N, C-alpha and C. Protein backbone atom coordinates (compact mmCIF):
# COMPACT_ATOMS: atom_id res chain seq x y z
N MET A 1 9.01 -42.01 25.68
CA MET A 1 7.66 -41.48 25.62
C MET A 1 7.63 -40.16 24.85
N VAL A 2 8.63 -39.31 25.09
CA VAL A 2 8.69 -38.02 24.40
C VAL A 2 8.85 -38.24 22.90
N GLU A 3 9.69 -39.19 22.54
CA GLU A 3 9.93 -39.48 21.12
C GLU A 3 8.64 -39.97 20.45
N LYS A 4 7.87 -40.80 21.13
CA LYS A 4 6.60 -41.27 20.57
C LYS A 4 5.63 -40.11 20.35
N GLY A 5 5.63 -39.16 21.29
CA GLY A 5 4.78 -37.98 21.14
C GLY A 5 5.18 -37.14 19.95
N ILE A 6 6.47 -36.98 19.75
CA ILE A 6 6.96 -36.22 18.60
C ILE A 6 6.58 -36.91 17.30
N ILE A 7 6.75 -38.20 17.24
CA ILE A 7 6.42 -38.96 16.03
C ILE A 7 4.92 -38.87 15.75
N ALA A 8 4.10 -39.04 16.78
CA ALA A 8 2.64 -38.98 16.60
C ALA A 8 2.21 -37.60 16.13
N THR A 9 2.85 -36.55 16.65
CA THR A 9 2.51 -35.19 16.24
C THR A 9 2.85 -34.97 14.77
N ARG A 10 4.00 -35.44 14.35
CA ARG A 10 4.40 -35.31 12.94
C ARG A 10 3.45 -36.07 12.03
N GLN A 11 3.07 -37.26 12.44
CA GLN A 11 2.14 -38.06 11.63
C GLN A 11 0.79 -37.35 11.52
N PHE A 12 0.33 -36.78 12.62
CA PHE A 12 -0.94 -36.07 12.60
C PHE A 12 -0.86 -34.85 11.67
N ALA A 13 0.22 -34.10 11.75
CA ALA A 13 0.40 -32.93 10.88
C ALA A 13 0.42 -33.36 9.41
N LYS A 14 1.07 -34.46 9.10
CA LYS A 14 1.11 -34.94 7.71
C LYS A 14 -0.29 -35.33 7.23
N ARG A 15 -1.08 -35.98 8.09
CA ARG A 15 -2.45 -36.34 7.71
C ARG A 15 -3.29 -35.08 7.44
N GLN A 16 -3.08 -34.05 8.27
CA GLN A 16 -3.81 -32.80 8.05
C GLN A 16 -3.45 -32.19 6.70
N LEU A 17 -2.16 -32.14 6.39
CA LEU A 17 -1.73 -31.55 5.11
C LEU A 17 -2.27 -32.35 3.93
N THR A 18 -2.26 -33.66 4.05
CA THR A 18 -2.80 -34.51 2.98
C THR A 18 -4.29 -34.23 2.79
N TRP A 19 -5.03 -34.12 3.87
CA TRP A 19 -6.46 -33.85 3.80
C TRP A 19 -6.71 -32.47 3.18
N LEU A 20 -5.92 -31.49 3.59
CA LEU A 20 -6.14 -30.12 3.10
C LEU A 20 -5.83 -29.97 1.61
N LYS A 21 -4.99 -30.83 1.06
CA LYS A 21 -4.68 -30.77 -0.37
C LYS A 21 -5.94 -30.97 -1.21
N HIS A 22 -6.90 -31.71 -0.68
CA HIS A 22 -8.11 -32.03 -1.43
C HIS A 22 -9.25 -31.04 -1.18
N GLU A 23 -9.02 -30.07 -0.32
CA GLU A 23 -10.03 -29.05 -0.03
C GLU A 23 -9.88 -27.88 -1.00
N PRO A 24 -10.99 -27.26 -1.38
CA PRO A 24 -10.87 -26.09 -2.26
C PRO A 24 -10.16 -24.96 -1.52
N GLU A 25 -9.36 -24.19 -2.27
CA GLU A 25 -8.61 -23.10 -1.64
C GLU A 25 -9.52 -22.03 -1.05
N GLU A 26 -10.70 -21.87 -1.61
CA GLU A 26 -11.60 -20.84 -1.10
C GLU A 26 -12.00 -21.10 0.35
N ALA A 27 -11.88 -22.33 0.78
CA ALA A 27 -12.28 -22.68 2.14
C ALA A 27 -11.25 -22.24 3.17
N ALA A 28 -10.07 -21.81 2.73
CA ALA A 28 -9.03 -21.37 3.66
C ALA A 28 -9.20 -19.88 3.94
N PHE A 29 -9.06 -19.53 5.19
CA PHE A 29 -9.18 -18.14 5.60
C PHE A 29 -7.84 -17.65 6.11
N ARG A 30 -7.44 -16.47 5.66
CA ARG A 30 -6.22 -15.86 6.16
C ARG A 30 -6.61 -14.94 7.31
N LEU A 31 -6.33 -15.36 8.51
CA LEU A 31 -6.74 -14.61 9.69
C LEU A 31 -5.51 -14.28 10.52
N SER A 32 -5.61 -13.22 11.28
CA SER A 32 -4.52 -12.87 12.18
C SER A 32 -5.04 -12.90 13.62
N PHE A 33 -4.12 -12.95 14.54
CA PHE A 33 -4.50 -13.00 15.95
C PHE A 33 -5.03 -11.67 16.45
N GLU A 34 -4.80 -10.60 15.67
CA GLU A 34 -5.28 -9.29 16.08
C GLU A 34 -6.78 -9.13 15.82
N GLU A 35 -7.33 -10.00 14.99
CA GLU A 35 -8.75 -9.89 14.65
C GLU A 35 -9.62 -10.35 15.82
N LYS A 36 -10.70 -9.66 15.98
CA LYS A 36 -11.65 -10.02 17.03
C LYS A 36 -12.52 -11.17 16.53
N PRO A 37 -13.06 -11.99 17.43
CA PRO A 37 -13.90 -13.12 17.01
C PRO A 37 -15.07 -12.68 16.12
N GLU A 38 -15.62 -11.50 16.38
CA GLU A 38 -16.75 -11.01 15.57
C GLU A 38 -16.32 -10.78 14.12
N GLN A 39 -15.09 -10.30 13.93
CA GLN A 39 -14.58 -10.07 12.58
C GLN A 39 -14.39 -11.39 11.84
N ILE A 40 -13.88 -12.38 12.55
CA ILE A 40 -13.68 -13.69 11.94
C ILE A 40 -15.02 -14.31 11.58
N LEU A 41 -15.99 -14.22 12.48
CA LEU A 41 -17.31 -14.76 12.22
C LEU A 41 -17.95 -14.09 11.01
N THR A 42 -17.77 -12.79 10.88
CA THR A 42 -18.32 -12.05 9.73
C THR A 42 -17.72 -12.58 8.43
N GLN A 43 -16.40 -12.82 8.42
CA GLN A 43 -15.75 -13.34 7.21
C GLN A 43 -16.29 -14.72 6.85
N VAL A 44 -16.44 -15.57 7.84
CA VAL A 44 -16.93 -16.93 7.59
C VAL A 44 -18.37 -16.90 7.08
N LEU A 45 -19.21 -16.08 7.70
CA LEU A 45 -20.61 -15.99 7.27
C LEU A 45 -20.72 -15.44 5.85
N LYS A 46 -19.89 -14.47 5.49
CA LYS A 46 -19.88 -13.95 4.12
C LYS A 46 -19.50 -15.04 3.13
N TYR A 47 -18.50 -15.84 3.49
CA TYR A 47 -18.08 -16.94 2.63
C TYR A 47 -19.21 -17.94 2.44
N LEU A 48 -19.84 -18.32 3.53
CA LEU A 48 -20.93 -19.30 3.45
C LEU A 48 -22.10 -18.77 2.63
N ALA A 49 -22.42 -17.49 2.79
CA ALA A 49 -23.52 -16.89 2.03
C ALA A 49 -23.19 -16.87 0.55
N ALA A 50 -21.96 -16.57 0.22
CA ALA A 50 -21.55 -16.49 -1.19
C ALA A 50 -21.49 -17.87 -1.84
N SER A 51 -21.16 -18.90 -1.06
CA SER A 51 -21.03 -20.23 -1.64
C SER A 51 -22.34 -21.02 -1.56
N ALA A 52 -23.36 -20.45 -0.97
CA ALA A 52 -24.69 -21.06 -0.88
C ALA A 52 -24.64 -22.44 -0.25
N ILE A 53 -23.91 -22.56 0.83
CA ILE A 53 -23.83 -23.84 1.56
C ILE A 53 -25.00 -23.95 2.51
């Protein structure tokens, strides 16, 4: 059972990486755990405003 969980996790991670390859780099945010949620929200809202989504 543990081995199946490990395999499924690896497969899921690979699917995520494959999906992210097709996303524009601007959509990625470099965030740290020290940032407060308000700071992260501000960054995301600035990005959305600039990209006119």
